[in-house]
N, C-alpha and C. Protein backbone atom coordinates (compact mmCIF):
# COMPACT_ATOMS: atom_id res chain seq x y z
N MET A 1 170.83 -5.59 158.45
CA MET A 1 170.60 -5.49 157.15
C MET A 1 169.80 -4.23 156.78
N ASP A 2 170.39 -3.51 155.77
CA ASP A 2 169.75 -2.31 155.40
C ASP A 2 168.49 -2.45 154.61
N GLN A 3 167.41 -1.86 154.81
CA GLN A 3 166.36 -2.03 154.02
C GLN A 3 166.40 -1.25 152.67
N GLN A 4 165.88 -1.70 151.66
CA GLN A 4 165.84 -0.91 150.41
C GLN A 4 165.02 0.26 150.57
N ARG A 5 165.50 1.56 150.13
CA ARG A 5 164.62 2.73 150.24
C ARG A 5 164.49 3.40 148.91
N ALA A 6 163.49 4.24 148.95
CA ALA A 6 163.34 5.15 147.82
C ALA A 6 164.54 6.00 147.61
N SER A 7 164.75 6.48 146.27
CA SER A 7 165.94 7.24 146.08
C SER A 7 165.68 8.82 146.00
N PHE A 8 164.50 9.24 146.11
CA PHE A 8 164.17 10.66 146.06
C PHE A 8 164.43 11.44 147.20
N ARG A 9 164.65 12.73 147.03
CA ARG A 9 164.84 13.79 148.07
C ARG A 9 163.64 14.59 148.23
N ALA A 10 162.70 14.58 147.17
CA ALA A 10 161.41 15.33 147.32
C ALA A 10 160.49 14.54 146.56
N MET A 11 159.22 14.50 146.98
CA MET A 11 158.25 13.58 146.29
C MET A 11 158.12 13.81 144.84
N GLN A 12 158.26 15.06 144.44
CA GLN A 12 158.23 15.34 142.95
C GLN A 12 159.27 14.56 142.20
N GLU A 13 160.29 14.04 142.74
CA GLU A 13 161.38 13.26 142.12
C GLU A 13 161.04 11.94 142.02
N GLY A 14 160.03 11.37 142.81
CA GLY A 14 159.71 9.93 142.94
C GLY A 14 159.32 9.29 141.58
N THR A 15 159.78 8.11 141.46
CA THR A 15 159.54 7.16 140.34
C THR A 15 158.54 6.09 140.64
N ALA A 16 157.99 5.42 139.61
CA ALA A 16 157.11 4.40 139.76
C ALA A 16 157.85 3.21 140.60
N GLU A 17 159.11 3.04 140.45
CA GLU A 17 159.92 2.01 141.16
C GLU A 17 159.98 2.40 142.66
N ASP A 18 160.12 3.79 142.94
CA ASP A 18 160.17 4.19 144.28
C ASP A 18 158.74 3.96 145.00
N TRP A 19 157.68 4.24 144.36
CA TRP A 19 156.45 4.06 144.90
C TRP A 19 155.93 2.72 145.01
N ASN A 20 156.47 1.80 144.08
CA ASN A 20 156.19 0.36 144.32
C ASN A 20 156.83 -0.17 145.50
N LEU A 21 158.13 0.33 145.66
CA LEU A 21 158.95 -0.16 146.85
C LEU A 21 158.25 0.26 148.13
N ILE A 22 157.84 1.55 148.17
CA ILE A 22 157.07 2.17 149.40
C ILE A 22 155.82 1.51 149.61
N SER A 23 155.15 1.09 148.44
CA SER A 23 153.79 0.43 148.70
C SER A 23 154.06 -0.98 149.33
N SER A 24 155.08 -1.59 148.83
CA SER A 24 155.38 -2.97 149.43
C SER A 24 155.63 -2.89 150.93
N HIS A 25 156.34 -1.94 151.45
CA HIS A 25 156.55 -1.69 152.80
C HIS A 25 155.25 -1.27 153.56
N PHE A 26 154.39 -0.51 152.93
CA PHE A 26 153.16 -0.02 153.50
C PHE A 26 152.33 -1.28 153.86
N ARG A 27 152.22 -2.26 152.89
CA ARG A 27 151.28 -3.39 153.11
C ARG A 27 151.68 -4.13 154.52
N SER A 28 153.06 -4.36 154.65
CA SER A 28 153.36 -5.10 155.90
C SER A 28 153.08 -4.24 157.11
N PHE A 29 153.40 -2.88 156.93
CA PHE A 29 153.21 -1.87 158.13
C PHE A 29 151.69 -1.85 158.36
N ALA A 30 150.82 -1.84 157.48
CA ALA A 30 149.40 -1.79 157.62
C ALA A 30 148.87 -3.09 158.37
N ARG A 31 149.55 -4.35 158.02
CA ARG A 31 149.15 -5.48 158.61
C ARG A 31 149.38 -5.47 160.12
N GLU A 32 150.34 -4.60 160.58
CA GLU A 32 150.75 -4.59 161.91
C GLU A 32 149.83 -3.57 162.78
N LEU A 33 148.93 -2.91 162.06
CA LEU A 33 147.95 -1.90 162.74
C LEU A 33 147.31 -2.46 164.06
N PRO A 34 146.71 -3.71 164.01
CA PRO A 34 146.12 -4.15 165.25
C PRO A 34 147.16 -4.34 166.42
N ASP A 35 148.42 -4.61 166.07
CA ASP A 35 149.41 -4.74 167.19
C ASP A 35 149.65 -3.38 167.76
N ARG A 36 149.76 -2.33 166.91
CA ARG A 36 149.90 -0.98 167.44
C ARG A 36 148.77 -0.44 168.23
N ILE A 37 147.60 -0.84 167.85
CA ILE A 37 146.45 -0.49 168.56
C ILE A 37 146.45 -1.17 170.01
N MET A 38 146.75 -2.47 169.98
CA MET A 38 146.75 -3.06 171.30
C MET A 38 147.86 -2.40 172.21
N THR A 39 148.93 -2.10 171.60
CA THR A 39 150.02 -1.50 172.46
C THR A 39 149.51 -0.15 172.96
N HIS A 40 148.65 0.62 172.19
CA HIS A 40 148.31 1.89 172.60
C HIS A 40 147.15 1.76 173.61
N LEU A 41 146.26 0.83 173.44
CA LEU A 41 145.24 0.54 174.44
C LEU A 41 145.84 0.29 175.82
N LYS A 42 147.06 -0.47 175.81
CA LYS A 42 147.64 -0.74 177.08
C LYS A 42 148.18 0.47 177.77
N LEU A 43 148.44 1.64 177.06
CA LEU A 43 148.92 2.83 177.65
C LEU A 43 147.77 3.48 178.58
N LEU A 44 146.45 2.91 178.36
CA LEU A 44 145.36 3.43 179.15
C LEU A 44 145.34 2.78 180.52
N ASP A 45 145.99 1.74 180.62
CA ASP A 45 146.12 0.90 181.92
C ASP A 45 146.86 1.73 183.11
N GLY A 46 146.16 1.87 184.10
CA GLY A 46 146.69 2.68 185.22
C GLY A 46 146.56 4.15 185.22
N ASP A 47 145.83 4.64 184.11
CA ASP A 47 145.69 6.09 183.99
C ASP A 47 144.21 6.30 184.45
N PHE A 48 144.04 6.79 185.61
CA PHE A 48 142.68 6.94 186.21
C PHE A 48 142.10 8.33 185.87
N GLY A 49 142.91 9.27 185.90
CA GLY A 49 142.34 10.74 185.54
C GLY A 49 141.30 11.17 186.56
N GLY A 50 141.31 10.64 187.72
CA GLY A 50 140.27 10.99 188.77
C GLY A 50 139.00 10.10 188.70
N PHE A 51 138.86 9.22 187.68
CA PHE A 51 137.67 8.30 187.59
C PHE A 51 137.88 7.20 188.51
N PRO A 52 136.63 6.50 188.85
CA PRO A 52 136.81 5.27 189.72
C PRO A 52 137.57 4.12 189.23
N ILE A 53 137.70 4.07 187.94
CA ILE A 53 138.50 2.98 187.33
C ILE A 53 139.49 3.62 186.34
N ASP A 54 140.45 2.88 185.83
CA ASP A 54 141.40 3.42 184.85
C ASP A 54 140.71 3.34 183.47
N ARG A 55 141.39 4.10 182.54
CA ARG A 55 140.82 4.26 181.21
C ARG A 55 140.75 3.00 180.46
N LEU A 56 141.65 2.17 180.64
CA LEU A 56 141.69 0.81 180.00
C LEU A 56 140.36 -0.01 180.51
N GLU A 57 140.14 0.01 181.77
CA GLU A 57 139.04 -0.81 182.34
C GLU A 57 137.80 -0.13 181.84
N HIS A 58 137.77 1.17 181.72
CA HIS A 58 136.57 1.83 181.14
C HIS A 58 136.30 1.38 179.79
N SER A 59 137.26 1.25 178.90
CA SER A 59 137.20 0.76 177.57
C SER A 59 136.77 -0.71 177.51
N LEU A 60 137.31 -1.50 178.33
CA LEU A 60 136.94 -2.95 178.50
C LEU A 60 135.51 -3.09 178.96
N GLN A 61 135.12 -2.35 179.91
CA GLN A 61 133.75 -2.41 180.34
C GLN A 61 132.72 -1.99 179.31
N THR A 62 133.01 -0.95 178.61
CA THR A 62 132.15 -0.44 177.54
C THR A 62 132.02 -1.55 176.46
N ALA A 63 133.07 -2.19 176.04
CA ALA A 63 133.15 -3.18 175.06
C ALA A 63 132.45 -4.40 175.51
N THR A 64 132.68 -4.82 176.83
CA THR A 64 132.07 -6.07 177.35
C THR A 64 130.59 -5.93 177.54
N ARG A 65 130.10 -4.77 177.91
CA ARG A 65 128.70 -4.45 178.02
C ARG A 65 127.98 -4.60 176.74
N ALA A 66 128.62 -4.01 175.62
CA ALA A 66 128.17 -4.05 174.30
C ALA A 66 128.09 -5.54 173.81
N HIS A 67 129.27 -6.22 174.04
CA HIS A 67 129.29 -7.65 173.60
C HIS A 67 128.26 -8.50 174.35
N ARG A 68 128.07 -8.37 175.58
CA ARG A 68 127.17 -9.18 176.27
C ARG A 68 125.66 -8.88 175.97
N ASP A 69 125.49 -7.66 175.37
CA ASP A 69 124.24 -7.19 174.95
C ASP A 69 123.86 -7.71 173.54
N GLY A 70 124.83 -8.41 172.91
CA GLY A 70 124.51 -9.02 171.61
C GLY A 70 124.93 -8.16 170.37
N ARG A 71 125.64 -7.06 170.56
CA ARG A 71 126.08 -6.09 169.56
C ARG A 71 127.14 -6.95 168.63
N ASP A 72 127.07 -6.51 167.32
CA ASP A 72 128.05 -7.14 166.37
C ASP A 72 129.58 -6.79 166.71
N GLU A 73 130.48 -7.46 166.06
CA GLU A 73 131.85 -7.24 166.31
C GLU A 73 132.30 -5.86 166.07
N GLU A 74 131.85 -5.40 165.00
CA GLU A 74 132.29 -3.89 164.57
C GLU A 74 131.87 -3.02 165.64
N TYR A 75 130.70 -3.01 166.15
CA TYR A 75 130.11 -2.21 167.33
C TYR A 75 130.93 -2.37 168.51
N VAL A 76 131.27 -3.60 168.80
CA VAL A 76 132.06 -3.97 170.02
C VAL A 76 133.52 -3.31 169.95
N VAL A 77 134.09 -3.44 168.75
CA VAL A 77 135.40 -2.84 168.59
C VAL A 77 135.29 -1.31 168.70
N CYS A 78 134.28 -0.73 168.12
CA CYS A 78 134.07 0.65 168.33
C CYS A 78 133.95 1.08 169.76
N ALA A 79 133.21 0.21 170.56
CA ALA A 79 133.00 0.48 171.99
C ALA A 79 134.44 0.34 172.71
N LEU A 80 135.23 -0.56 172.37
CA LEU A 80 136.54 -0.81 172.86
C LEU A 80 137.50 0.38 172.59
N LEU A 81 137.40 0.88 171.42
CA LEU A 81 138.32 1.95 170.95
C LEU A 81 137.75 3.39 171.15
N HIS A 82 136.52 3.54 171.62
CA HIS A 82 136.00 4.88 171.54
C HIS A 82 136.75 6.00 172.35
N ASP A 83 137.50 5.60 173.31
CA ASP A 83 138.26 6.53 174.12
C ASP A 83 139.86 6.38 173.86
N ILE A 84 140.14 5.66 172.90
CA ILE A 84 141.65 5.37 172.65
C ILE A 84 142.45 6.71 172.45
N GLY A 85 141.69 7.85 171.99
CA GLY A 85 142.35 9.09 171.76
C GLY A 85 142.67 9.88 173.07
N ASP A 86 142.24 9.34 174.24
CA ASP A 86 142.44 10.14 175.50
C ASP A 86 143.89 10.62 175.62
N THR A 87 144.79 9.77 175.38
CA THR A 87 146.29 10.01 175.57
C THR A 87 146.83 11.11 174.69
N LEU A 88 146.47 11.14 173.41
CA LEU A 88 146.90 12.15 172.48
C LEU A 88 146.04 13.25 172.11
N GLY A 89 144.78 13.00 172.32
CA GLY A 89 143.72 14.13 171.97
C GLY A 89 142.93 14.46 173.15
N SER A 90 143.58 14.94 174.21
CA SER A 90 142.84 15.25 175.43
C SER A 90 141.64 16.19 175.30
N PHE A 91 141.74 16.98 174.26
CA PHE A 91 140.56 17.91 174.06
C PHE A 91 139.75 17.52 172.79
N ASN A 92 140.01 16.41 172.17
CA ASN A 92 139.23 15.98 171.03
C ASN A 92 139.38 14.42 170.88
N HIS A 93 139.41 13.76 171.95
CA HIS A 93 139.54 12.19 171.88
C HIS A 93 138.64 11.54 170.86
N PRO A 94 137.39 11.95 170.78
CA PRO A 94 136.56 11.21 169.77
C PRO A 94 136.95 11.37 168.21
N ASP A 95 137.59 12.45 168.07
CA ASP A 95 138.16 12.67 166.63
C ASP A 95 139.30 11.68 166.38
N ILE A 96 140.12 11.40 167.47
CA ILE A 96 141.22 10.61 167.22
C ILE A 96 140.71 9.14 166.99
N ALA A 97 139.69 8.72 167.83
CA ALA A 97 139.22 7.34 167.66
C ALA A 97 138.55 7.15 166.35
N ALA A 98 137.82 8.20 165.90
CA ALA A 98 137.10 8.07 164.61
C ALA A 98 138.07 8.08 163.46
N ALA A 99 139.13 8.75 163.67
CA ALA A 99 140.22 8.73 162.48
C ALA A 99 140.83 7.37 162.40
N ILE A 100 141.08 6.69 163.52
CA ILE A 100 141.58 5.31 163.40
C ILE A 100 140.56 4.36 162.78
N LEU A 101 139.35 4.49 163.15
CA LEU A 101 138.27 3.56 162.71
C LEU A 101 137.72 3.79 161.32
N LYS A 102 137.86 5.08 160.88
CA LYS A 102 137.12 5.50 159.64
C LYS A 102 137.27 4.45 158.47
N PRO A 103 138.46 4.06 158.03
CA PRO A 103 138.52 3.28 156.84
C PRO A 103 137.79 1.81 157.08
N PHE A 104 137.59 1.47 158.36
CA PHE A 104 137.21 0.07 158.69
C PHE A 104 135.78 -0.16 159.12
N VAL A 105 135.03 0.86 159.45
CA VAL A 105 133.81 0.66 160.04
C VAL A 105 132.68 1.47 159.24
N SER A 106 131.38 1.10 159.49
CA SER A 106 130.28 1.71 158.83
C SER A 106 130.14 3.14 159.21
N GLU A 107 129.46 3.83 158.25
CA GLU A 107 129.16 5.25 158.62
C GLU A 107 128.42 5.42 159.94
N GLU A 108 127.54 4.55 160.26
CA GLU A 108 126.70 4.57 161.51
C GLU A 108 127.60 4.43 162.65
N ASN A 109 128.59 3.49 162.61
CA ASN A 109 129.45 3.30 163.86
C ASN A 109 130.48 4.45 163.93
N LEU A 110 130.85 4.87 162.77
CA LEU A 110 131.83 6.03 162.76
C LEU A 110 131.31 7.30 163.34
N TRP A 111 130.00 7.65 162.96
CA TRP A 111 129.34 8.78 163.51
C TRP A 111 129.08 8.69 165.00
N MET A 112 128.65 7.53 165.50
CA MET A 112 128.58 7.25 166.84
C MET A 112 129.77 7.56 167.67
N VAL A 113 130.99 7.03 167.22
CA VAL A 113 132.25 7.20 167.87
C VAL A 113 132.62 8.63 167.82
N GLU A 114 132.47 9.25 166.67
CA GLU A 114 132.89 10.68 166.44
C GLU A 114 132.05 11.58 167.32
N LYS A 115 130.86 11.28 167.63
CA LYS A 115 129.98 12.23 168.37
C LYS A 115 129.72 11.90 169.83
N HIS A 116 130.34 10.70 170.22
CA HIS A 116 130.00 10.23 171.58
C HIS A 116 130.44 11.27 172.63
N GLY A 117 131.45 12.06 172.43
CA GLY A 117 131.96 12.96 173.45
C GLY A 117 130.86 13.94 173.84
N VAL A 118 130.21 14.58 172.84
CA VAL A 118 129.15 15.59 173.04
C VAL A 118 127.89 14.78 173.72
N PHE A 119 127.58 13.68 173.19
CA PHE A 119 126.46 12.94 173.73
C PHE A 119 126.72 12.49 175.13
N GLN A 120 127.89 12.06 175.44
CA GLN A 120 128.26 11.70 176.82
C GLN A 120 128.12 12.93 177.81
N GLY A 121 128.38 14.11 177.22
CA GLY A 121 128.26 15.28 178.02
C GLY A 121 127.05 15.52 178.69
N TYR A 122 125.90 14.93 178.19
CA TYR A 122 124.67 14.99 178.83
C TYR A 122 124.63 14.58 180.21
N TYR A 123 125.51 13.71 180.80
CA TYR A 123 125.65 13.20 181.99
C TYR A 123 126.48 14.04 182.90
N PHE A 124 127.28 14.91 182.40
CA PHE A 124 128.14 15.76 183.33
C PHE A 124 128.34 17.14 183.02
N PHE A 125 128.10 17.52 181.75
CA PHE A 125 128.37 18.97 181.42
C PHE A 125 127.76 19.97 182.34
N HIS A 126 126.53 19.82 182.87
CA HIS A 126 125.90 20.73 183.75
C HIS A 126 126.70 20.84 185.06
N HIS A 127 127.52 19.83 185.49
CA HIS A 127 128.23 19.93 186.65
C HIS A 127 129.51 20.87 186.47
N LEU A 128 129.79 21.07 185.20
CA LEU A 128 130.93 21.87 184.92
C LEU A 128 130.55 23.31 184.38
N GLY A 129 129.32 23.62 184.51
CA GLY A 129 128.88 24.93 184.03
C GLY A 129 128.55 24.99 182.56
N MET A 130 128.46 23.80 181.94
CA MET A 130 128.29 23.82 180.49
C MET A 130 126.89 23.32 180.18
N ASP A 131 126.41 23.39 179.02
CA ASP A 131 125.05 23.02 178.54
C ASP A 131 124.99 21.45 178.30
N ARG A 132 124.32 20.70 179.22
CA ARG A 132 124.19 19.34 179.03
C ARG A 132 123.43 18.87 177.71
N HIS A 133 122.76 19.88 177.15
CA HIS A 133 121.94 19.54 176.04
C HIS A 133 122.69 19.88 174.67
N LEU A 134 123.97 20.03 174.67
CA LEU A 134 124.71 20.28 173.45
C LEU A 134 124.41 19.21 172.38
N ARG A 135 124.15 18.04 172.81
CA ARG A 135 123.81 16.92 171.77
C ARG A 135 122.69 17.20 171.03
N ASP A 136 121.70 18.08 171.55
CA ASP A 136 120.50 18.31 170.83
C ASP A 136 120.70 19.07 169.56
N GLN A 137 121.90 19.60 169.33
CA GLN A 137 122.08 20.23 168.01
C GLN A 137 121.99 19.10 166.87
N PHE A 138 122.05 17.93 167.32
CA PHE A 138 122.02 16.80 166.25
C PHE A 138 120.66 16.09 166.44
N LYS A 139 119.64 16.64 167.05
CA LYS A 139 118.38 15.84 167.43
C LYS A 139 117.60 15.38 166.19
N ASP A 140 117.83 16.04 165.04
CA ASP A 140 117.22 15.66 163.75
C ASP A 140 118.09 14.68 162.90
N HIS A 141 119.24 14.37 163.42
CA HIS A 141 120.12 13.47 162.72
C HIS A 141 119.64 12.07 162.76
N PRO A 142 119.63 11.25 161.69
CA PRO A 142 119.12 9.84 161.90
C PRO A 142 119.94 9.04 162.84
N LEU A 143 121.15 9.41 163.29
CA LEU A 143 121.88 8.50 164.18
C LEU A 143 122.01 9.12 165.55
N TYR A 144 121.14 10.15 165.82
CA TYR A 144 121.06 10.70 167.25
C TYR A 144 120.66 9.66 168.15
N GLN A 145 119.55 8.92 167.98
CA GLN A 145 119.12 7.91 169.00
C GLN A 145 120.07 6.83 169.20
N ARG A 146 120.79 6.38 168.09
CA ARG A 146 121.84 5.36 168.25
C ARG A 146 122.90 5.71 169.13
N THR A 147 123.40 6.99 168.93
CA THR A 147 124.58 7.42 169.75
C THR A 147 124.14 7.74 171.12
N ALA A 148 122.90 8.28 171.39
CA ALA A 148 122.50 8.47 172.75
C ALA A 148 122.28 7.24 173.45
N GLU A 149 121.88 6.12 172.78
CA GLU A 149 121.72 4.75 173.36
C GLU A 149 123.08 4.09 173.62
N PHE A 150 124.10 4.38 172.86
CA PHE A 150 125.45 3.85 173.08
C PHE A 150 125.97 4.46 174.34
N CYS A 151 125.76 5.77 174.55
CA CYS A 151 126.24 6.44 175.79
C CYS A 151 125.44 5.93 177.00
N ALA A 152 124.14 5.86 176.85
CA ALA A 152 123.26 5.45 177.98
C ALA A 152 123.58 4.07 178.41
N LEU A 153 123.65 3.16 177.50
CA LEU A 153 123.71 1.72 177.84
C LEU A 153 125.19 1.18 178.15
N TYR A 154 126.10 1.73 177.50
CA TYR A 154 127.46 1.33 177.54
C TYR A 154 128.51 2.21 177.98
N ASP A 155 128.66 3.39 177.50
CA ASP A 155 129.69 4.36 177.87
C ASP A 155 129.48 4.87 179.31
N ALA A 156 128.29 5.47 179.49
CA ALA A 156 128.09 6.16 180.73
C ALA A 156 127.99 5.26 181.93
N THR A 157 127.71 3.93 181.72
CA THR A 157 127.56 3.00 182.86
C THR A 157 128.88 2.25 183.10
N ALA A 158 129.92 2.48 182.34
CA ALA A 158 131.20 1.71 182.40
C ALA A 158 132.26 2.31 183.26
N PHE A 159 131.71 2.58 184.50
CA PHE A 159 132.82 3.14 185.60
C PHE A 159 132.65 2.35 186.82
N ASP A 160 132.22 1.04 186.80
CA ASP A 160 131.85 0.31 187.98
C ASP A 160 133.21 -0.49 188.42
N PRO A 161 133.71 -0.23 189.47
CA PRO A 161 134.90 -1.00 190.03
C PRO A 161 134.65 -2.47 190.21
N ASP A 162 133.40 -2.81 190.40
CA ASP A 162 133.04 -4.16 190.73
C ASP A 162 132.63 -5.00 189.58
N TYR A 163 132.48 -4.32 188.39
CA TYR A 163 132.06 -5.04 187.14
C TYR A 163 133.22 -5.95 186.58
N GLU A 164 132.93 -7.17 186.22
CA GLU A 164 133.85 -8.06 185.69
C GLU A 164 133.84 -8.04 184.12
N SER A 165 134.79 -7.31 183.69
CA SER A 165 135.00 -7.14 182.22
C SER A 165 135.73 -8.37 181.61
N GLU A 166 135.70 -8.47 180.32
CA GLU A 166 136.44 -9.43 179.58
C GLU A 166 137.86 -8.77 179.55
N PRO A 167 138.81 -9.57 179.43
CA PRO A 167 140.23 -9.05 179.38
C PRO A 167 140.49 -8.51 177.91
N LEU A 168 141.46 -7.75 177.81
CA LEU A 168 141.82 -7.10 176.41
C LEU A 168 141.96 -8.21 175.44
N GLU A 169 142.66 -9.27 175.76
CA GLU A 169 142.89 -10.35 174.86
C GLU A 169 141.64 -11.01 174.22
N PHE A 170 140.64 -10.85 175.08
CA PHE A 170 139.28 -11.44 174.58
C PHE A 170 138.86 -10.70 173.30
N PHE A 171 139.17 -9.42 173.20
CA PHE A 171 138.69 -8.55 172.15
C PHE A 171 139.63 -8.58 170.99
N GLU A 172 140.88 -9.12 171.14
CA GLU A 172 141.92 -8.94 170.13
C GLU A 172 141.51 -9.66 168.83
N PRO A 173 140.86 -10.87 168.85
CA PRO A 173 140.49 -11.49 167.55
C PRO A 173 139.38 -10.71 166.82
N MET A 174 138.54 -10.08 167.53
CA MET A 174 137.58 -9.15 166.95
C MET A 174 138.19 -7.99 166.26
N MET A 175 139.06 -7.46 167.04
CA MET A 175 139.77 -6.26 166.51
C MET A 175 140.55 -6.52 165.31
N ARG A 176 141.26 -7.73 165.21
CA ARG A 176 141.97 -8.04 164.10
C ARG A 176 141.05 -8.25 162.86
N ARG A 177 139.95 -8.96 163.08
CA ARG A 177 138.95 -9.03 162.00
C ARG A 177 138.50 -7.75 161.44
N VAL A 178 138.16 -6.88 162.29
CA VAL A 178 137.60 -5.43 161.84
C VAL A 178 138.78 -4.71 161.06
N PHE A 179 139.92 -4.79 161.50
CA PHE A 179 141.07 -4.17 160.99
C PHE A 179 141.76 -4.91 159.82
N ALA A 180 141.26 -6.02 159.44
CA ALA A 180 141.84 -6.81 158.39
C ALA A 180 141.98 -6.19 157.07
N ARG A 181 140.95 -5.43 156.77
CA ARG A 181 140.92 -4.85 155.38
C ARG A 181 139.97 -3.59 155.46
N PRO A 182 140.54 -2.50 154.97
CA PRO A 182 139.57 -1.26 154.90
C PRO A 182 138.31 -1.51 154.08
N ARG A 183 137.33 -0.93 154.52
CA ARG A 183 135.99 -1.00 153.84
C ARG A 183 135.80 0.03 152.86
N GLN A 184 136.45 1.08 153.20
CA GLN A 184 136.45 2.21 152.24
C GLN A 184 137.75 2.96 152.29
N SER A 185 138.01 3.75 151.27
CA SER A 185 139.20 4.53 151.17
C SER A 185 138.99 5.82 151.78
N VAL A 186 139.95 6.43 152.51
CA VAL A 186 139.94 7.68 153.08
C VAL A 186 140.16 8.70 151.93
N TYR A 187 140.79 8.31 150.87
CA TYR A 187 140.95 9.14 149.67
C TYR A 187 139.89 8.93 148.63
N LYS A 188 139.08 9.92 148.48
CA LYS A 188 138.02 9.90 147.60
C LYS A 188 138.52 10.38 146.20
N THR A 189 138.35 9.49 145.23
CA THR A 189 138.83 9.96 143.84
C THR A 189 137.65 10.32 142.95
N GLU A 190 137.77 11.31 142.15
CA GLU A 190 136.83 11.56 141.24
C GLU A 190 137.43 11.48 139.85
N ARG A 191 136.54 11.05 138.92
CA ARG A 191 137.05 11.01 137.55
C ARG A 191 136.91 12.32 136.99
N VAL A 192 137.83 12.73 136.29
CA VAL A 192 137.94 14.03 135.63
C VAL A 192 137.36 13.84 134.29
N ALA A 193 136.35 14.69 133.88
CA ALA A 193 135.68 14.63 132.64
C ALA A 193 136.57 15.05 131.57
N SER A 194 136.70 14.29 130.46
CA SER A 194 137.58 14.59 129.37
C SER A 194 136.80 15.38 128.26
């Protein structure tokens, strides 16, 4: 069966009917976001990249540690997804994770995910001839300590082959709740003064 589609060839030709049709399709597509995220997380399975555990297990360990430490669901989901960008953003993976999370999480959790890469560098940049103190450019930021703590307690410690993580399915209901509805729009609108 052919789906109904908009009739324009360029956006400038679109009508209200076209955009209502597109909007109706978007709603169902958006509801499937958690399914697509789960599929993408599974791509991390078996990808070791030289680490002691694969990237999926690292994500599960990070989230499990945060959960067992009593962090709220949003924080735990951020811990689960913090490295989801590894496959598509090898040079900027925190930006990919932050872009996925941005409409759904608090500014505090978003900043933590977005900056975790430079904060995590404290533990290894010096071994690569880089400045391990790059995170100090943010030392006066109110979320500096929160992000340093995320790395110290959960991210940097989550490479243990003997750690018993919760399975991915354990986190799925949490993720579905966090992604159920955007908290904020990524499109900021301003009123035009008349």
